[in-house]
Amino acid sequence: FLVLVALLWFFVLLPEREAMTFQAAELLTDGIGHYERKEYDLALEVLQQVPEGSAEKAKALYYEGSSYVMLKDYESATVPLERALVLNPRDTGSMYALGVAYFKLGSLSLAKGYFAALLEINPNDEQAKGLYDIMARLERQSVAESETPEATENE
């Protein structure tokens, strides 16, 4: 019985898995090409076809989310970017893109959190440092404005 299972795996399942891996890599390469040519709608169409469970899925999700960011569809961007982080929790590209998306959606604390997480992994990322500082300043400013007594407005 074990020999039969081994033969089945070797002759049926292994080639099928190798074909899926090749297809996933090809789709990812094609999707990234569209992204780099600023063909974001086409990139989305291709990247969404990268099979679940493939090694390329996390990277495909990053480019999918980044395509949505470039199309200014920030809410849609958060879903694939969050999924990319589940698959690869140290993906600083997804953290950065999520920080941008949440900032554009008006969620300063979430944006700041993603930039902070990125800086824990890469403390020398100057862009993330700058954006983190901006988020922190805007957050403080928002708190200060909400604490301003209304009485001073009436004087």
Protein backbone atom coordinates (compact mmCIF):
# COMPACT_ATOMS: atom_id res chain seq x y z
CA PHE A 1 0.00 0.00 0.00
CA LEU A 2 2.78 2.44 0.91
CA VAL A 3 4.48 1.76 -2.40
CA LEU A 4 1.23 2.59 -4.23
CA VAL A 5 0.88 5.89 -2.32
CA ALA A 6 4.51 6.76 -3.05
CA LEU A 7 4.05 6.04 -6.76
CA LEU A 8 0.85 8.10 -6.83
CA TRP A 9 2.66 11.00 -5.19
CA PHE A 10 5.66 10.73 -7.49
CA PHE A 11 3.79 10.38 -10.78
CA VAL A 12 0.62 12.40 -10.15
CA LEU A 13 0.85 14.84 -7.26
CA LEU A 14 4.48 15.95 -7.62
CA PRO A 15 4.16 16.97 -11.31
CA GLU A 16 0.87 18.73 -10.51
CA ARG A 17 2.53 20.66 -7.67
CA GLU A 18 5.51 21.57 -9.88
CA ALA A 19 3.12 22.83 -12.57
CA MET A 20 1.29 24.96 -9.98
CA THR A 21 4.62 26.38 -8.76
CA PHE A 22 5.67 27.22 -12.31
CA GLN A 23 2.26 28.80 -13.06
CA ALA A 24 2.37 30.84 -9.82
CA ALA A 25 5.86 32.13 -10.60
CA GLU A 26 4.84 33.01 -14.14
CA LEU A 27 1.71 34.85 -12.98
CA LEU A 28 3.70 36.74 -10.33
CA THR A 29 6.33 37.82 -12.87
CA ASP A 30 3.63 38.92 -15.31
CA GLY A 31 1.73 40.82 -12.59
CA ILE A 32 4.88 42.61 -11.39
CA GLY A 33 5.61 43.57 -15.00
CA HIS A 34 2.19 45.19 -15.32
CA TYR A 35 2.71 46.94 -11.97
CA GLU A 36 6.09 48.33 -13.05
CA ARG A 37 4.54 49.60 -16.30
CA LYS A 38 1.87 51.33 -14.18
CA GLU A 39 -0.84 49.05 -15.62
CA TYR A 40 -2.40 48.59 -12.20
CA ASP A 41 -5.77 47.20 -13.35
CA LEU A 42 -4.00 44.54 -15.41
CA ALA A 43 -1.62 43.82 -12.54
CA LEU A 44 -4.60 43.20 -10.25
CA GLU A 45 -6.23 40.90 -12.77
CA VAL A 46 -3.09 38.76 -13.06
CA LEU A 47 -1.93 38.84 -9.43
CA GLN A 48 -5.32 37.70 -8.15
CA GLN A 49 -4.82 34.48 -10.12
CA VAL A 50 -1.70 33.44 -8.18
CA PRO A 51 -2.85 30.25 -6.43
CA GLU A 52 -3.45 30.14 -2.69
CA GLY A 53 -0.82 28.10 -0.94
CA SER A 54 1.90 28.90 -3.45
CA ALA A 55 5.20 30.32 -2.27
CA GLU A 56 4.55 33.38 -4.45
CA LYS A 57 1.20 34.30 -2.84
CA ALA A 58 2.59 36.69 -0.19
CA LYS A 59 4.50 38.70 -2.78
CA ALA A 60 1.48 38.68 -5.12
CA LEU A 61 -0.68 40.04 -2.29
CA TYR A 62 1.84 42.82 -1.66
CA TYR A 63 1.75 43.90 -5.30
CA GLU A 64 -2.03 43.56 -5.39
CA GLY A 65 -2.37 45.85 -2.38
CA SER A 66 0.19 48.26 -3.79
CA SER A 67 -1.74 48.38 -7.07
CA TYR A 68 -4.85 49.41 -5.14
CA VAL A 69 -2.81 52.10 -3.36
CA MET A 70 -1.61 53.43 -6.72
CA LEU A 71 -5.25 53.45 -7.93
CA LYS A 72 -6.13 55.40 -4.74
CA ASP A 73 -8.50 52.62 -3.61
CA TYR A 74 -7.08 52.57 -0.11
CA GLU A 75 -9.83 50.53 1.51
CA SER A 76 -9.42 47.71 -1.02
CA ALA A 77 -5.64 47.89 -0.54
CA THR A 78 -5.83 46.94 3.12
CA VAL A 79 -7.25 43.44 2.55
CA PRO A 80 -4.44 41.93 0.42
CA LEU A 81 -1.77 43.82 2.36
CA GLU A 82 -3.04 42.47 5.69
CA ARG A 83 -3.13 38.96 4.17
CA ALA A 84 0.45 39.43 2.92
CA LEU A 85 1.52 40.22 6.48
CA VAL A 86 -0.19 37.10 7.78
CA LEU A 87 1.86 35.05 5.30
CA ASN A 88 5.05 37.03 5.92
CA PRO A 89 4.95 38.97 9.23
CA ARG A 90 8.30 40.69 8.52
CA ASP A 91 7.25 42.09 5.12
CA THR A 92 8.27 45.73 5.51
CA GLY A 93 6.90 46.60 2.06
CA SER A 94 3.40 45.59 3.12
CA MET A 95 3.81 47.46 6.42
CA TYR A 96 4.81 50.60 4.56
CA ALA A 97 1.92 50.31 2.07
CA LEU A 98 -0.54 49.67 4.92
CA GLY A 99 0.76 52.74 6.73
CA VAL A 100 0.12 54.83 3.64
CA ALA A 101 -3.32 53.29 3.04
CA TYR A 102 -4.48 53.81 6.63
CA PHE A 103 -3.15 57.37 6.63
CA LYS A 104 -5.16 58.10 3.48
CA LEU A 105 -8.20 56.52 5.16
CA GLY A 106 -7.73 58.89 8.12
CA SER A 107 -6.64 56.29 10.67
CA LEU A 108 -3.52 57.92 12.07
CA SER A 109 -3.00 55.46 14.92
CA LEU A 110 -3.10 52.43 12.60
CA ALA A 111 -0.79 54.14 10.11
CA LYS A 112 1.63 55.06 12.89
CA GLY A 113 1.49 51.48 14.19
CA TYR A 114 2.55 50.04 10.84
CA PHE A 115 5.41 52.51 10.49
CA ALA A 116 6.49 51.68 14.06
CA ALA A 117 6.44 47.93 13.28
CA LEU A 118 8.50 48.55 10.15
CA LEU A 119 11.03 50.57 12.16
CA GLU A 120 11.38 47.73 14.68
CA ILE A 121 12.54 45.52 11.81
CA ASN A 122 14.51 48.18 9.94
CA PRO A 123 15.38 51.12 12.23
CA ASN A 124 17.37 52.81 9.45
CA ASP A 125 14.43 53.24 7.05
CA GLU A 126 14.45 57.03 6.67
CA GLN A 127 11.14 57.20 4.78
CA ALA A 128 9.36 55.22 7.48
CA LYS A 129 10.98 57.38 10.20
CA GLY A 130 9.77 60.54 8.50
CA LEU A 131 6.24 59.24 8.04
CA TYR A 132 6.12 57.89 11.60
CA ASP A 133 7.10 61.34 12.90
CA ILE A 134 4.42 62.98 10.72
CA MET A 135 1.77 60.53 12.01
CA ALA A 136 2.82 61.16 15.62
CA ARG A 137 2.71 64.94 15.13
CA LEU A 138 -0.70 64.80 13.44
CA GLU A 139 -2.01 62.53 16.19
CA ARG A 140 -0.79 64.93 18.91
CA GLN A 141 -2.27 67.87 17.01
CA SER A 142 -5.62 66.07 16.72
CA VAL A 143 -5.67 65.31 20.46
CA ALA A 144 -4.74 68.90 21.32
CA GLU A 145 -7.52 70.26 19.09
CA SER A 146 -10.10 67.95 20.66
CA GLU A 147 -9.05 69.08 24.16
CA THR A 148 -9.39 72.79 23.34
CA PRO A 149 -12.22 74.20 25.46
CA GLU A 150 -15.16 75.51 23.51
CA ALA A 151 -15.26 78.53 25.83
CA THR A 152 -12.18 79.99 24.16
CA GLU A 153 -13.99 79.91 20.83
CA ASN A 154 -16.80 82.06 22.24
CA GLU A 155 -14.51 84.77 23.63
